[in-house]
Amino acid sequence: MDDLHMAVLLERIGLIAKLSTRVDCDAEEREVVAAWISEMASAANEELLKAIFNSNAPGKIH
């Protein structure tokens, strides 16, 4: 995942979290939002770790 895709993903997470705080969201909708945020954050974390470890691989030019 490149930097642009990571930025878009983090923007989506923020927007979804913001929208879930609206008064017209019920508990079930907030539960779904929490699950989506968790899934997206986990995916972003995995991609970030891949990028970190790939850039630190032996013989890799930084």
PDB file of N, CA and C in Angstrom:
ATOM      1  N   MET A   1       0.860  -1.178   0.000  1.00  0.00           N
ATOM      2  CA  MET A   1       0.000   0.000   0.000  1.00  0.00           C
ATOM      3  C   MET A   1       0.900   1.233   0.000  1.00  0.00           C
ATOM      4  N   ASP A   2       0.680   2.108  -0.956  1.00  0.00           N
ATOM      5  CA  ASP A   2       1.505   3.303  -1.001  1.00  0.00           C
ATOM      6  C   ASP A   2       0.957   4.372  -0.051  1.00  0.00           C
ATOM      7  N   ASP A   3       1.687   5.469   0.039  1.00  0.00           N
ATOM      8  CA  ASP A   3       1.325   6.525   0.988  1.00  0.00           C
ATOM      9  C   ASP A   3      -0.045   7.126   0.698  1.00  0.00           C
ATOM     10  N   LEU A   4      -0.383   7.277  -0.575  1.00  0.00           N
ATOM     11  CA  LEU A   4      -1.680   7.846  -0.928  1.00  0.00           C
ATOM     12  C   LEU A   4      -2.818   6.940  -0.469  1.00  0.00           C
ATOM     13  N   HIS A   5      -2.684   5.635  -0.714  1.00  0.00           N
ATOM     14  CA  HIS A   5      -3.720   4.694  -0.284  1.00  0.00           C
ATOM     15  C   HIS A   5      -3.837   4.666   1.239  1.00  0.00           C
ATOM     16  N   MET A   6      -2.703   4.754   1.925  1.00  0.00           N
ATOM     17  CA  MET A   6      -2.730   4.773   3.391  1.00  0.00           C
ATOM     18  C   MET A   6      -3.442   6.027   3.888  1.00  0.00           C
ATOM     19  N   ALA A   7      -3.155   7.168   3.277  1.00  0.00           N
ATOM     20  CA  ALA A   7      -3.806   8.421   3.667  1.00  0.00           C
ATOM     21  C   ALA A   7      -5.313   8.342   3.451  1.00  0.00           C
ATOM     22  N   VAL A   8      -5.732   7.768   2.322  1.00  0.00           N
ATOM     23  CA  VAL A   8      -7.165   7.631   2.028  1.00  0.00           C
ATOM     24  C   VAL A   8      -7.824   6.703   3.045  1.00  0.00           C
ATOM     25  N   LEU A   9      -7.163   5.602   3.360  1.00  0.00           N
ATOM     26  CA  LEU A   9      -7.716   4.661   4.334  1.00  0.00           C
ATOM     27  C   LEU A   9      -7.895   5.328   5.695  1.00  0.00           C
ATOM     28  N   LEU A  10      -6.882   6.061   6.139  1.00  0.00           N
ATOM     29  CA  LEU A  10      -6.979   6.738   7.437  1.00  0.00           C
ATOM     30  C   LEU A  10      -8.058   7.818   7.417  1.00  0.00           C
ATOM     31  N   GLU A  11      -8.228   8.485   6.276  1.00  0.00           N
ATOM     32  CA  GLU A  11      -9.285   9.474   6.143  1.00  0.00           C
ATOM     33  C   GLU A  11     -10.657   8.811   6.251  1.00  0.00           C
ATOM     34  N   ARG A  12     -10.806   7.655   5.621  1.00  0.00           N
ATOM     35  CA  ARG A  12     -12.074   6.913   5.700  1.00  0.00           C
ATOM     36  C   ARG A  12     -12.370   6.484   7.128  1.00  0.00           C
ATOM     37  N   ILE A  13     -11.362   6.004   7.821  1.00  0.00           N
ATOM     38  CA  ILE A  13     -11.552   5.591   9.218  1.00  0.00           C
ATOM     39  C   ILE A  13     -12.052   6.776  10.037  1.00  0.00           C
ATOM     40  N   GLY A  14     -11.417   7.920   9.869  1.00  0.00           N
ATOM     41  CA  GLY A  14     -11.832   9.117  10.604  1.00  0.00           C
ATOM     42  C   GLY A  14     -13.251   9.541  10.273  1.00  0.00           C
ATOM     43  N   LEU A  15     -13.602   9.497   8.992  1.00  0.00           N
ATOM     44  CA  LEU A  15     -14.947   9.894   8.577  1.00  0.00           C
ATOM     45  C   LEU A  15     -16.000   8.943   9.125  1.00  0.00           C
ATOM     46  N   ILE A  16     -15.733   7.648   9.039  1.00  0.00           N
ATOM     47  CA  ILE A  16     -16.689   6.663   9.559  1.00  0.00           C
ATOM     48  C   ILE A  16     -16.876   6.855  11.065  1.00  0.00           C
ATOM     49  N   ALA A  17     -15.776   7.074  11.779  1.00  0.00           N
ATOM     50  CA  ALA A  17     -15.880   7.302  13.223  1.00  0.00           C
ATOM     51  C   ALA A  17     -16.694   8.563  13.513  1.00  0.00           C
ATOM     52  N   LYS A  18     -16.453   9.611  12.750  1.00  0.00           N
ATOM     53  CA  LYS A  18     -17.180  10.875  12.944  1.00  0.00           C
ATOM     54  C   LYS A  18     -18.672  10.694  12.681  1.00  0.00           C
ATOM     55  N   LEU A  19     -19.010  10.023  11.576  1.00  0.00           N
ATOM     56  CA  LEU A  19     -20.419   9.828  11.236  1.00  0.00           C
ATOM     57  C   LEU A  19     -21.140   8.955  12.260  1.00  0.00           C
ATOM     58  N   SER A  20     -20.413   8.038  12.883  1.00  0.00           N
ATOM     59  CA  SER A  20     -21.059   7.142  13.852  1.00  0.00           C
ATOM     60  C   SER A  20     -21.441   7.852  15.139  1.00  0.00           C
ATOM     61  N   THR A  21     -20.919   9.043  15.358  1.00  0.00           N
ATOM     62  CA  THR A  21     -21.267   9.774  16.573  1.00  0.00           C
ATOM     63  C   THR A  21     -22.540  10.597  16.412  1.00  0.00           C
ATOM     64  N   ARG A  22     -23.099  10.569  15.208  1.00  0.00           N
ATOM     65  CA  ARG A  22     -24.341  11.316  14.984  1.00  0.00           C
ATOM     66  C   ARG A  22     -25.466  10.736  15.834  1.00  0.00           C
ATOM     67  N   VAL A  23     -26.381  11.567  16.196  1.00  0.00           N
ATOM     68  CA  VAL A  23     -27.487  11.189  17.074  1.00  0.00           C
ATOM     69  C   VAL A  23     -28.379  10.119  16.451  1.00  0.00           C
ATOM     70  N   ASP A  24     -28.535  10.143  15.124  1.00  0.00           N
ATOM     71  CA  ASP A  24     -29.472   9.216  14.489  1.00  0.00           C
ATOM     72  C   ASP A  24     -28.908   7.807  14.282  1.00  0.00           C
ATOM     73  N   CYS A  25     -27.704   7.534  14.754  1.00  0.00           N
ATOM     74  CA  CYS A  25     -27.150   6.178  14.697  1.00  0.00           C
ATOM     75  C   CYS A  25     -27.606   5.396  15.923  1.00  0.00           C
ATOM     76  N   ASP A  26     -28.082   4.180  15.699  1.00  0.00           N
ATOM     77  CA  ASP A  26     -28.474   3.363  16.851  1.00  0.00           C
ATOM     78  C   ASP A  26     -27.295   2.480  17.281  1.00  0.00           C
ATOM     79  N   ALA A  27     -27.501   1.734  18.325  1.00  0.00           N
ATOM     80  CA  ALA A  27     -26.427   0.913  18.891  1.00  0.00           C
ATOM     81  C   ALA A  27     -25.914  -0.125  17.903  1.00  0.00           C
ATOM     82  N   GLU A  28     -26.807  -0.713  17.134  1.00  0.00           N
ATOM     83  CA  GLU A  28     -26.402  -1.730  16.159  1.00  0.00           C
ATOM     84  C   GLU A  28     -25.512  -1.118  15.070  1.00  0.00           C
ATOM     85  N   GLU A  29     -25.885   0.064  14.599  1.00  0.00           N
ATOM     86  CA  GLU A  29     -25.075   0.744  13.585  1.00  0.00           C
ATOM     87  C   GLU A  29     -23.698   1.108  14.140  1.00  0.00           C
ATOM     88  N   ARG A  30     -23.660   1.541  15.385  1.00  0.00           N
ATOM     89  CA  ARG A  30     -22.369   1.868  16.004  1.00  0.00           C
ATOM     90  C   ARG A  30     -21.503   0.623  16.158  1.00  0.00           C
ATOM     91  N   GLU A  31     -22.129  -0.512  16.415  1.00  0.00           N
ATOM     92  CA  GLU A  31     -21.394  -1.775  16.510  1.00  0.00           C
ATOM     93  C   GLU A  31     -20.761  -2.135  15.169  1.00  0.00           C
ATOM     94  N   VAL A  32     -21.525  -1.945  14.096  1.00  0.00           N
ATOM     95  CA  VAL A  32     -21.014  -2.211  12.755  1.00  0.00           C
ATOM     96  C   VAL A  32     -19.846  -1.271  12.446  1.00  0.00           C
ATOM     97  N   VAL A  33     -20.001  -0.013  12.793  1.00  0.00           N
ATOM     98  CA  VAL A  33     -18.933   0.966  12.568  1.00  0.00           C
ATOM     99  C   VAL A  33     -17.672   0.558  13.318  1.00  0.00           C
ATOM    100  N   ALA A  34     -17.806   0.144  14.548  1.00  0.00           N
ATOM    101  CA  ALA A  34     -16.647  -0.280  15.327  1.00  0.00           C
ATOM    102  C   ALA A  34     -15.947  -1.464  14.663  1.00  0.00           C
ATOM    103  N   ALA A  35     -16.715  -2.395  14.132  1.00  0.00           N
ATOM    104  CA  ALA A  35     -16.130  -3.551  13.443  1.00  0.00           C
ATOM    105  C   ALA A  35     -15.405  -3.108  12.177  1.00  0.00           C
ATOM    106  N   TRP A  36     -15.999  -2.200  11.406  1.00  0.00           N
ATOM    107  CA  TRP A  36     -15.354  -1.704  10.182  1.00  0.00           C
ATOM    108  C   TRP A  36     -14.044  -0.991  10.512  1.00  0.00           C
ATOM    109  N   ILE A  37     -14.090  -0.136  11.520  1.00  0.00           N
ATOM    110  CA  ILE A  37     -12.886   0.597  11.904  1.00  0.00           C
ATOM    111  C   ILE A  37     -11.798  -0.375  12.338  1.00  0.00           C
ATOM    112  N   SER A  38     -12.171  -1.367  13.102  1.00  0.00           N
ATOM    113  CA  SER A  38     -11.210  -2.368  13.553  1.00  0.00           C
ATOM    114  C   SER A  38     -10.586  -3.107  12.370  1.00  0.00           C
ATOM    115  N   GLU A  39     -11.408  -3.511  11.408  1.00  0.00           N
ATOM    116  CA  GLU A  39     -10.907  -4.218  10.225  1.00  0.00           C
ATOM    117  C   GLU A  39      -9.969  -3.337   9.400  1.00  0.00           C
ATOM    118  N   MET A  40     -10.362  -2.096   9.182  1.00  0.00           N
ATOM    119  CA  MET A  40      -9.532  -1.194   8.381  1.00  0.00           C
ATOM    120  C   MET A  40      -8.222  -0.855   9.088  1.00  0.00           C
ATOM    121  N   ALA A  41      -8.301  -0.642  10.392  1.00  0.00           N
ATOM    122  CA  ALA A  41      -7.091  -0.330  11.148  1.00  0.00           C
ATOM    123  C   ALA A  41      -6.141  -1.526  11.164  1.00  0.00           C
ATOM    124  N   SER A  42      -6.674  -2.722  11.289  1.00  0.00           N
ATOM    125  CA  SER A  42      -5.829  -3.925  11.263  1.00  0.00           C
ATOM    126  C   SER A  42      -5.150  -4.077   9.905  1.00  0.00           C
ATOM    127  N   ALA A  43      -5.897  -3.845   8.827  1.00  0.00           N
ATOM    128  CA  ALA A  43      -5.328  -3.935   7.481  1.00  0.00           C
ATOM    129  C   ALA A  43      -4.230  -2.894   7.288  1.00  0.00           C
ATOM    130  N   ALA A  44      -4.476  -1.684   7.758  1.00  0.00           N
ATOM    131  CA  ALA A  44      -3.470  -0.625   7.637  1.00  0.00           C
ATOM    132  C   ALA A  44      -2.230  -0.969   8.446  1.00  0.00           C
ATOM    133  N   ASN A  45      -2.430  -1.519   9.629  1.00  0.00           N
ATOM    134  CA  ASN A  45      -1.300  -1.900  10.471  1.00  0.00           C
ATOM    135  C   ASN A  45      -0.465  -2.992   9.814  1.00  0.00           C
ATOM    136  N   GLU A  46      -1.118  -3.980   9.231  1.00  0.00           N
ATOM    137  CA  GLU A  46      -0.401  -5.053   8.533  1.00  0.00           C
ATOM    138  C   GLU A  46       0.428  -4.503   7.383  1.00  0.00           C
ATOM    139  N   GLU A  47      -0.156  -3.608   6.602  1.00  0.00           N
ATOM    140  CA  GLU A  47       0.560  -3.009   5.478  1.00  0.00           C
ATOM    141  C   GLU A  47       1.740  -2.173   5.957  1.00  0.00           C
ATOM    142  N   LEU A  48       1.547  -1.448   7.021  1.00  0.00           N
ATOM    143  CA  LEU A  48       2.624  -0.633   7.568  1.00  0.00           C
ATOM    144  C   LEU A  48       3.770  -1.514   8.054  1.00  0.00           C
ATOM    145  N   LEU A  49       3.443  -2.588   8.750  1.00  0.00           N
ATOM    146  CA  LEU A  49       4.487  -3.497   9.227  1.00  0.00           C
ATOM    147  C   LEU A  49       5.233  -4.149   8.077  1.00  0.00           C
ATOM    148  N   LYS A  50       4.508  -4.518   7.004  1.00  0.00           N
ATOM    149  CA  LYS A  50       5.161  -5.083   5.823  1.00  0.00           C
ATOM    150  C   LYS A  50       6.159  -4.084   5.246  1.00  0.00           C
ATOM    151  N   ALA A  51       5.739  -2.841   5.134  1.00  0.00           N
ATOM    152  CA  ALA A  51       6.601  -1.809   4.566  1.00  0.00           C
ATOM    153  C   ALA A  51       7.828  -1.592   5.435  1.00  0.00           C
ATOM    154  N   ILE A  52       7.655  -1.593   6.744  1.00  0.00           N
ATOM    155  CA  ILE A  52       8.781  -1.395   7.664  1.00  0.00           C
ATOM    156  C   ILE A  52       9.760  -2.544   7.550  1.00  0.00           C
ATOM    157  N   PHE A  53       9.257  -3.767   7.609  1.00  0.00           N
ATOM    158  CA  PHE A  53      10.152  -4.924   7.586  1.00  0.00           C
ATOM    159  C   PHE A  53      10.781  -5.123   6.217  1.00  0.00           C
ATOM    160  N   ASN A  54      10.066  -4.798   5.145  1.00  0.00           N
ATOM    161  CA  ASN A  54      10.647  -4.915   3.810  1.00  0.00           C
ATOM    162  C   ASN A  54      11.751  -3.888   3.600  1.00  0.00           C
ATOM    163  N   SER A  55      11.597  -2.697   4.178  1.00  0.00           N
ATOM    164  CA  SER A  55      12.620  -1.671   4.007  1.00  0.00           C
ATOM    165  C   SER A  55      13.845  -1.959   4.868  1.00  0.00           C
ATOM    166  N   ASN A  56      13.706  -2.801   5.887  1.00  0.00           N
ATOM    167  CA  ASN A  56      14.837  -3.160   6.755  1.00  0.00           C
ATOM    168  C   ASN A  56      15.457  -4.506   6.393  1.00  0.00           C
ATOM    169  N   ALA A  57      15.010  -5.094   5.305  1.00  0.00           N
ATOM    170  CA  ALA A  57      15.537  -6.402   4.900  1.00  0.00           C
ATOM    171  C   ALA A  57      17.015  -6.296   4.581  1.00  0.00           C
ATOM    172  N   PRO A  58      17.771  -7.336   4.914  1.00  0.00           N
ATOM    173  CA  PRO A  58      19.202  -7.316   4.610  1.00  0.00           C
ATOM    174  C   PRO A  58      19.464  -7.116   3.123  1.00  0.00           C
ATOM    175  N   GLY A  59      20.412  -6.262   2.813  1.00  0.00           N
ATOM    176  CA  GLY A  59      20.762  -6.012   1.421  1.00  0.00           C
ATOM    177  C   GLY A  59      19.843  -5.037   0.720  1.00  0.00           C
ATOM    178  N   LYS A  60      18.855  -4.543   1.392  1.00  0.00           N
ATOM    179  CA  LYS A  60      17.894  -3.620   0.792  1.00  0.00           C
ATOM    180  C   LYS A  60      18.478  -2.203   0.850  1.00  0.00           C
ATOM    181  N   ILE A  61      18.411  -1.500  -0.263  1.00  0.00           N
ATOM    182  CA  ILE A  61      18.895  -0.118  -0.302  1.00  0.00           C
ATOM    183  C   ILE A  61      17.778   0.794   0.157  1.00  0.00           C
ATOM    184  N   HIS A  62      18.070   1.661   1.105  1.00  0.00           N
ATOM    185  CA  HIS A  62      17.051   2.560   1.672  1.00  0.00           C
ATOM    186  C   HIS A  62      17.032   3.858   0.925  1.00  0.00           C
TER     187      HIS A  62
END
